[in-house]
């Protein structure tokens, strides 16, 4: 669902974001920036899972071998 929202955005920051994201339209830049934030959070969550040992079995040769058989 798409909702139209009126927000104040610093024009210099928006221009920087458009340049970084490779976009030319304001709406496109904002949408992509939001997606990037969501993706960054997902990456952090996976890193925390790795750090917490959630995938510790992957270091076990027998577990890895069984996964591919």
PDB file of N, CA and C in Angstrom:
ATOM      1  N   UNK A   1       0.839  -1.171   0.000  1.00  0.00           N
ATOM      2  CA  UNK A   1       0.000   0.000   0.000  1.00  0.00           C
ATOM      3  C   UNK A   1       0.889   1.241   0.000  1.00  0.00           C
ATOM      4  N   UNK A   2       0.565   2.175  -0.815  1.00  0.00           N
ATOM      5  CA  UNK A   2       1.314   3.425  -0.911  1.00  0.00           C
ATOM      6  C   UNK A   2       0.462   4.535  -0.317  1.00  0.00           C
ATOM      7  N   UNK A   3       1.083   5.310   0.567  1.00  0.00           N
ATOM      8  CA  UNK A   3       0.409   6.436   1.186  1.00  0.00           C
ATOM      9  C   UNK A   3       1.183   7.699   0.865  1.00  0.00           C
ATOM     10  N   UNK A   4       0.491   8.724   0.504  1.00  0.00           N
ATOM     11  CA  UNK A   4       1.148   9.999   0.234  1.00  0.00           C
ATOM     12  C   UNK A   4       1.343  10.721   1.562  1.00  0.00           C
ATOM     13  N   UNK A   5       2.601  11.142   1.815  1.00  0.00           N
ATOM     14  CA  UNK A   5       2.959  11.799   3.063  1.00  0.00           C
ATOM     15  C   UNK A   5       3.729  13.066   2.736  1.00  0.00           C
ATOM     16  N   UNK A   6       3.411  14.126   3.424  1.00  0.00           N
ATOM     17  CA  UNK A   6       4.124  15.386   3.244  1.00  0.00           C
ATOM     18  C   UNK A   6       5.162  15.498   4.352  1.00  0.00           C
ATOM     19  N   UNK A   7       6.437  15.576   3.965  1.00  0.00           N
ATOM     20  CA  UNK A   7       7.517  15.701   4.947  1.00  0.00           C
ATOM     21  C   UNK A   7       8.480  16.791   4.502  1.00  0.00           C
ATOM     22  N   UNK A   8       9.141  17.391   5.481  1.00  0.00           N
ATOM     23  CA  UNK A   8      10.188  18.363   5.191  1.00  0.00           C
ATOM     24  C   UNK A   8      11.507  17.615   5.084  1.00  0.00           C
ATOM     25  N   UNK A   9      12.203  17.775   3.965  1.00  0.00           N
ATOM     26  CA  UNK A   9      13.479  17.101   3.737  1.00  0.00           C
ATOM     27  C   UNK A   9      14.507  18.143   3.340  1.00  0.00           C
ATOM     28  N   UNK A  10      15.657  18.081   3.986  1.00  0.00           N
ATOM     29  CA  UNK A  10      16.752  18.981   3.653  1.00  0.00           C
ATOM     30  C   UNK A  10      17.159  18.735   2.199  1.00  0.00           C
ATOM     31  N   UNK A  11      17.158  19.769   1.391  1.00  0.00           N
ATOM     32  CA  UNK A  11      17.420  19.629  -0.044  1.00  0.00           C
ATOM     33  C   UNK A  11      18.848  19.167  -0.340  1.00  0.00           C
ATOM     34  N   UNK A  12      19.814  19.613   0.468  1.00  0.00           N
ATOM     35  CA  UNK A  12      21.198  19.166   0.259  1.00  0.00           C
ATOM     36  C   UNK A  12      21.335  17.682   0.574  1.00  0.00           C
ATOM     37  N   UNK A  13      20.701  17.240   1.660  1.00  0.00           N
ATOM     38  CA  UNK A  13      20.750  15.821   2.009  1.00  0.00           C
ATOM     39  C   UNK A  13      20.030  14.978   0.962  1.00  0.00           C
ATOM     40  N   UNK A  14      18.916  15.481   0.466  1.00  0.00           N
ATOM     41  CA  UNK A  14      18.190  14.768  -0.583  1.00  0.00           C
ATOM     42  C   UNK A  14      19.039  14.656  -1.842  1.00  0.00           C
ATOM     43  N   UNK A  15      19.719  15.725  -2.197  1.00  0.00           N
ATOM     44  CA  UNK A  15      20.593  15.702  -3.375  1.00  0.00           C
ATOM     45  C   UNK A  15      21.718  14.691  -3.185  1.00  0.00           C
ATOM     46  N   UNK A  16      22.291  14.648  -1.982  1.00  0.00           N
ATOM     47  CA  UNK A  16      23.346  13.669  -1.695  1.00  0.00           C
ATOM     48  C   UNK A  16      22.800  12.251  -1.808  1.00  0.00           C
ATOM     49  N   UNK A  17      21.630  12.028  -1.227  1.00  0.00           N
ATOM     50  CA  UNK A  17      21.026  10.697  -1.276  1.00  0.00           C
ATOM     51  C   UNK A  17      20.750  10.282  -2.716  1.00  0.00           C
ATOM     52  N   UNK A  18      20.227  11.199  -3.516  1.00  0.00           N
ATOM     53  CA  UNK A  18      19.955  10.893  -4.919  1.00  0.00           C
ATOM     54  C   UNK A  18      21.243  10.533  -5.648  1.00  0.00           C
ATOM     55  N   UNK A  19      22.313  11.244  -5.352  1.00  0.00           N
ATOM     56  CA  UNK A  19      23.602  10.958  -5.979  1.00  0.00           C
ATOM     57  C   UNK A  19      24.115   9.583  -5.551  1.00  0.00           C
ATOM     58  N   UNK A  20      24.073   9.314  -4.262  1.00  0.00           N
ATOM     59  CA  UNK A  20      24.557   8.034  -3.733  1.00  0.00           C
ATOM     60  C   UNK A  20      23.737   6.869  -4.281  1.00  0.00           C
ATOM     61  N   UNK A  21      22.427   7.058  -4.336  1.00  0.00           N
ATOM     62  CA  UNK A  21      21.534   5.985  -4.771  1.00  0.00           C
ATOM     63  C   UNK A  21      21.404   5.889  -6.285  1.00  0.00           C
ATOM     64  N   UNK A  22      21.921   6.892  -6.986  1.00  0.00           N
ATOM     65  CA  UNK A  22      21.859   6.880  -8.442  1.00  0.00           C
ATOM     66  C   UNK A  22      20.463   7.133  -8.982  1.00  0.00           C
ATOM     67  N   UNK A  23      19.703   7.947  -8.270  1.00  0.00           N
ATOM     68  CA  UNK A  23      18.346   8.256  -8.705  1.00  0.00           C
ATOM     69  C   UNK A  23      18.260   9.708  -9.159  1.00  0.00           C
ATOM     70  N   UNK A  24      17.236  10.013  -9.915  1.00  0.00           N
ATOM     71  CA  UNK A  24      17.057  11.390 -10.374  1.00  0.00           C
ATOM     72  C   UNK A  24      15.794  12.028  -9.809  1.00  0.00           C
ATOM     73  N   UNK A  25      14.879  11.212  -9.340  1.00  0.00           N
ATOM     74  CA  UNK A  25      13.610  11.728  -8.821  1.00  0.00           C
ATOM     75  C   UNK A  25      13.584  11.651  -7.296  1.00  0.00           C
ATOM     76  N   UNK A  26      12.976  12.656  -6.681  1.00  0.00           N
ATOM     77  CA  UNK A  26      12.896  12.706  -5.222  1.00  0.00           C
ATOM     78  C   UNK A  26      12.166  11.492  -4.652  1.00  0.00           C
ATOM     79  N   UNK A  27      11.017  11.172  -5.222  1.00  0.00           N
ATOM     80  CA  UNK A  27      10.219  10.053  -4.722  1.00  0.00           C
ATOM     81  C   UNK A  27      10.999   8.750  -4.800  1.00  0.00           C
ATOM     82  N   UNK A  28      11.681   8.559  -5.901  1.00  0.00           N
ATOM     83  CA  UNK A  28      12.483   7.348  -6.089  1.00  0.00           C
ATOM     84  C   UNK A  28      13.581   7.266  -5.030  1.00  0.00           C
ATOM     85  N   UNK A  29      14.228   8.388  -4.755  1.00  0.00           N
ATOM     86  CA  UNK A  29      15.298   8.415  -3.759  1.00  0.00           C
ATOM     87  C   UNK A  29      14.766   8.088  -2.370  1.00  0.00           C
ATOM     88  N   UNK A  30      13.641   8.662  -2.008  1.00  0.00           N
ATOM     89  CA  UNK A  30      13.069   8.413  -0.682  1.00  0.00           C
ATOM     90  C   UNK A  30      12.662   6.953  -0.548  1.00  0.00           C
ATOM     91  N   UNK A  31      12.000   6.417  -1.551  1.00  0.00           N
ATOM     92  CA  UNK A  31      11.586   5.007  -1.498  1.00  0.00           C
ATOM     93  C   UNK A  31      12.786   4.076  -1.395  1.00  0.00           C
ATOM     94  N   UNK A  32      13.810   4.343  -2.200  1.00  0.00           N
ATOM     95  CA  UNK A  32      14.998   3.498  -2.173  1.00  0.00           C
ATOM     96  C   UNK A  32      15.743   3.638  -0.850  1.00  0.00           C
ATOM     97  N   UNK A  33      15.806   4.842  -0.312  1.00  0.00           N
ATOM     98  CA  UNK A  33      16.465   5.054   0.980  1.00  0.00           C
ATOM     99  C   UNK A  33      15.757   4.271   2.077  1.00  0.00           C
ATOM    100  N   UNK A  34      14.442   4.262   2.059  1.00  0.00           N
ATOM    101  CA  UNK A  34      13.679   3.489   3.045  1.00  0.00           C
ATOM    102  C   UNK A  34      13.990   2.004   2.897  1.00  0.00           C
ATOM    103  N   UNK A  35      14.024   1.515   1.663  1.00  0.00           N
ATOM    104  CA  UNK A  35      14.355   0.103   1.433  1.00  0.00           C
ATOM    105  C   UNK A  35      15.765  -0.214   1.920  1.00  0.00           C
ATOM    106  N   UNK A  36      16.693   0.713   1.707  1.00  0.00           N
ATOM    107  CA  UNK A  36      18.077   0.511   2.156  1.00  0.00           C
ATOM    108  C   UNK A  36      18.156   0.402   3.677  1.00  0.00           C
ATOM    109  N   UNK A  37      17.397   1.222   4.381  1.00  0.00           N
ATOM    110  CA  UNK A  37      17.377   1.169   5.848  1.00  0.00           C
ATOM    111  C   UNK A  37      16.830  -0.174   6.318  1.00  0.00           C
ATOM    112  N   UNK A  38      15.768  -0.634   5.691  1.00  0.00           N
ATOM    113  CA  UNK A  38      15.175  -1.924   6.049  1.00  0.00           C
ATOM    114  C   UNK A  38      16.163  -3.055   5.785  1.00  0.00           C
ATOM    115  N   UNK A  39      16.847  -3.014   4.643  1.00  0.00           N
ATOM    116  CA  UNK A  39      17.834  -4.044   4.298  1.00  0.00           C
ATOM    117  C   UNK A  39      19.019  -4.013   5.256  1.00  0.00           C
ATOM    118  N   UNK A  40      19.449  -2.819   5.654  1.00  0.00           N
ATOM    119  CA  UNK A  40      20.564  -2.693   6.599  1.00  0.00           C
ATOM    120  C   UNK A  40      20.203  -3.331   7.933  1.00  0.00           C
ATOM    121  N   UNK A  41      18.976  -3.137   8.378  1.00  0.00           N
ATOM    122  CA  UNK A  41      18.516  -3.746   9.631  1.00  0.00           C
ATOM    123  C   UNK A  41      18.521  -5.264   9.505  1.00  0.00           C
ATOM    124  N   UNK A  42      18.071  -5.783   8.383  1.00  0.00           N
ATOM    125  CA  UNK A  42      18.065  -7.232   8.170  1.00  0.00           C
ATOM    126  C   UNK A  42      19.486  -7.786   8.196  1.00  0.00           C
ATOM    127  N   UNK A  43      20.428  -7.057   7.577  1.00  0.00           N
ATOM    128  CA  UNK A  43      21.831  -7.498   7.596  1.00  0.00           C
ATOM    129  C   UNK A  43      22.382  -7.499   9.015  1.00  0.00           C
ATOM    130  N   UNK A  44      22.074  -6.458   9.791  1.00  0.00           N
ATOM    131  CA  UNK A  44      22.530  -6.403  11.188  1.00  0.00           C
ATOM    132  C   UNK A  44      21.953  -7.569  11.988  1.00  0.00           C
ATOM    133  N   UNK A  45      20.693  -7.893  11.750  1.00  0.00           N
ATOM    134  CA  UNK A  45      20.063  -9.007  12.458  1.00  0.00           C
ATOM    135  C   UNK A  45      20.773 -10.320  12.167  1.00  0.00           C
ATOM    136  N   UNK A  46      21.126 -10.553  10.903  1.00  0.00           N
ATOM    137  CA  UNK A  46      21.825 -11.791  10.541  1.00  0.00           C
ATOM    138  C   UNK A  46      23.216 -11.822  11.168  1.00  0.00           C
ATOM    139  N   UNK A  47      23.910 -10.696  11.161  1.00  0.00           N
ATOM    140  CA  UNK A  47      25.235 -10.628  11.784  1.00  0.00           C
ATOM    141  C   UNK A  47      25.128 -10.946  13.271  1.00  0.00           C
ATOM    142  N   UNK A  48      24.115 -10.405  13.938  1.00  0.00           N
ATOM    143  CA  UNK A  48      23.913 -10.696  15.358  1.00  0.00           C
ATOM    144  C   UNK A  48      23.609 -12.171  15.573  1.00  0.00           C
ATOM    145  N   UNK A  49      22.862 -12.776  14.649  1.00  0.00           N
ATOM    146  CA  UNK A  49      22.575 -14.205  14.755  1.00  0.00           C
ATOM    147  C   UNK A  49      23.865 -15.014  14.639  1.00  0.00           C
ATOM    148  N   UNK A  50      24.718 -14.651  13.679  1.00  0.00           N
ATOM    149  CA  UNK A  50      26.006 -15.330  13.534  1.00  0.00           C
ATOM    150  C   UNK A  50      26.837 -15.156  14.795  1.00  0.00           C
ATOM    151  N   UNK A  51      26.919 -13.933  15.294  1.00  0.00           N
ATOM    152  CA  UNK A  51      27.715 -13.644  16.489  1.00  0.00           C
ATOM    153  C   UNK A  51      27.185 -14.402  17.699  1.00  0.00           C
ATOM    154  N   UNK A  52      25.890 -14.635  17.740  1.00  0.00           N
ATOM    155  CA  UNK A  52      25.281 -15.362  18.847  1.00  0.00           C
ATOM    156  C   UNK A  52      25.362 -16.872  18.708  1.00  0.00           C
ATOM    157  N   UNK A  53      25.958 -17.342  17.626  1.00  0.00           N
ATOM    158  CA  UNK A  53      26.148 -18.775  17.441  1.00  0.00           C
ATOM    159  C   UNK A  53      24.988 -19.497  16.786  1.00  0.00           C
ATOM    160  N   UNK A  54      24.066 -18.763  16.206  1.00  0.00           N
ATOM    161  CA  UNK A  54      22.891 -19.390  15.595  1.00  0.00           C
ATOM    162  C   UNK A  54      23.254 -20.353  14.470  1.00  0.00           C
ATOM    163  N   UNK A  55      24.390 -20.128  13.848  1.00  0.00           N
ATOM    164  CA  UNK A  55      24.796 -20.976  12.732  1.00  0.00           C
ATOM    165  C   UNK A  55      26.087 -21.732  13.055  1.00  0.00           C
ATOM    166  N   UNK A  56      26.307 -21.989  14.326  1.00  0.00           N
ATOM    167  CA  UNK A  56      27.529 -22.650  14.774  1.00  0.00           C
ATOM    168  C   UNK A  56      27.742 -24.013  14.157  1.00  0.00           C
ATOM    169  N   UNK A  57      26.655 -24.708  13.862  1.00  0.00           N
ATOM    170  CA  UNK A  57      26.766 -26.038  13.261  1.00  0.00           C
ATOM    171  C   UNK A  57      27.424 -26.002  11.891  1.00  0.00           C
ATOM    172  N   UNK A  58      27.412 -24.862  11.238  1.00  0.00           N
ATOM    173  CA  UNK A  58      28.008 -24.775   9.905  1.00  0.00           C
ATOM    174  C   UNK A  58      29.519 -24.972   9.934  1.00  0.00           C
ATOM    175  N   UNK A  59      30.133 -24.824  11.100  1.00  0.00           N
ATOM    176  CA  UNK A  59      31.570 -25.064  11.228  1.00  0.00           C
ATOM    177  C   UNK A  59      31.871 -26.556  11.360  1.00  0.00           C
ATOM    178  N   UNK A  60      30.850 -27.356  11.601  1.00  0.00           N
ATOM    179  CA  UNK A  60      31.005 -28.799  11.767  1.00  0.00           C
ATOM    180  C   UNK A  60      30.973 -29.466  10.393  1.00  0.00           C
ATOM    181  N   UNK A  61      32.078 -30.135  10.036  1.00  0.00           N
ATOM    182  CA  UNK A  61      32.183 -30.780   8.722  1.00  0.00           C
ATOM    183  C   UNK A  61      31.063 -31.794   8.478  1.00  0.00           C
ATOM    184  N   UNK A  62      30.691 -32.563   9.495  1.00  0.00           N
ATOM    185  CA  UNK A  62      29.643 -33.574   9.328  1.00  0.00           C
ATOM    186  C   UNK A  62      28.285 -32.923   9.055  1.00  0.00           C
ATOM    187  N   UNK A  63      28.004 -31.848   9.739  1.00  0.00           N
ATOM    188  CA  UNK A  63      26.731 -31.147   9.536  1.00  0.00           C
ATOM    189  C   UNK A  63      26.681 -30.569   8.127  1.00  0.00           C
ATOM    190  N   UNK A  64      27.793 -29.962   7.699  1.00  0.00           N
ATOM    191  CA  UNK A  64      27.836 -29.400   6.343  1.00  0.00           C
ATOM    192  C   UNK A  64      27.682 -30.495   5.297  1.00  0.00           C
ATOM    193  N   UNK A  65      28.356 -31.618   5.502  1.00  0.00           N
ATOM    194  CA  UNK A  65      28.272 -32.719   4.539  1.00  0.00           C
ATOM    195  C   UNK A  65      26.841 -33.257   4.465  1.00  0.00           C
ATOM    196  N   UNK A  66      26.185 -33.373   5.600  1.00  0.00           N
ATOM    197  CA  UNK A  66      24.812 -33.883   5.627  1.00  0.00           C
ATOM    198  C   UNK A  66      23.854 -32.917   4.935  1.00  0.00           C
ATOM    199  N   UNK A  67      24.145 -31.648   5.015  1.00  0.00           N
ATOM    200  CA  UNK A  67      23.277 -30.650   4.381  1.00  0.00           C
ATOM    201  C   UNK A  67      23.298 -30.776   2.868  1.00  0.00           C
ATOM    202  N   UNK A  68      24.388 -31.261   2.323  1.00  0.00           N
ATOM    203  CA  UNK A  68      24.530 -31.353   0.864  1.00  0.00           C
ATOM    204  C   UNK A  68      24.237 -32.749   0.330  1.00  0.00           C
ATOM    205  N   UNK A  69      23.846 -33.661   1.211  1.00  0.00           N
ATOM    206  CA  UNK A  69      23.570 -35.025   0.718  1.00  0.00           C
ATOM    207  C   UNK A  69      22.099 -35.293   0.588  1.00  0.00           C
TER     208      UNK A  69
END
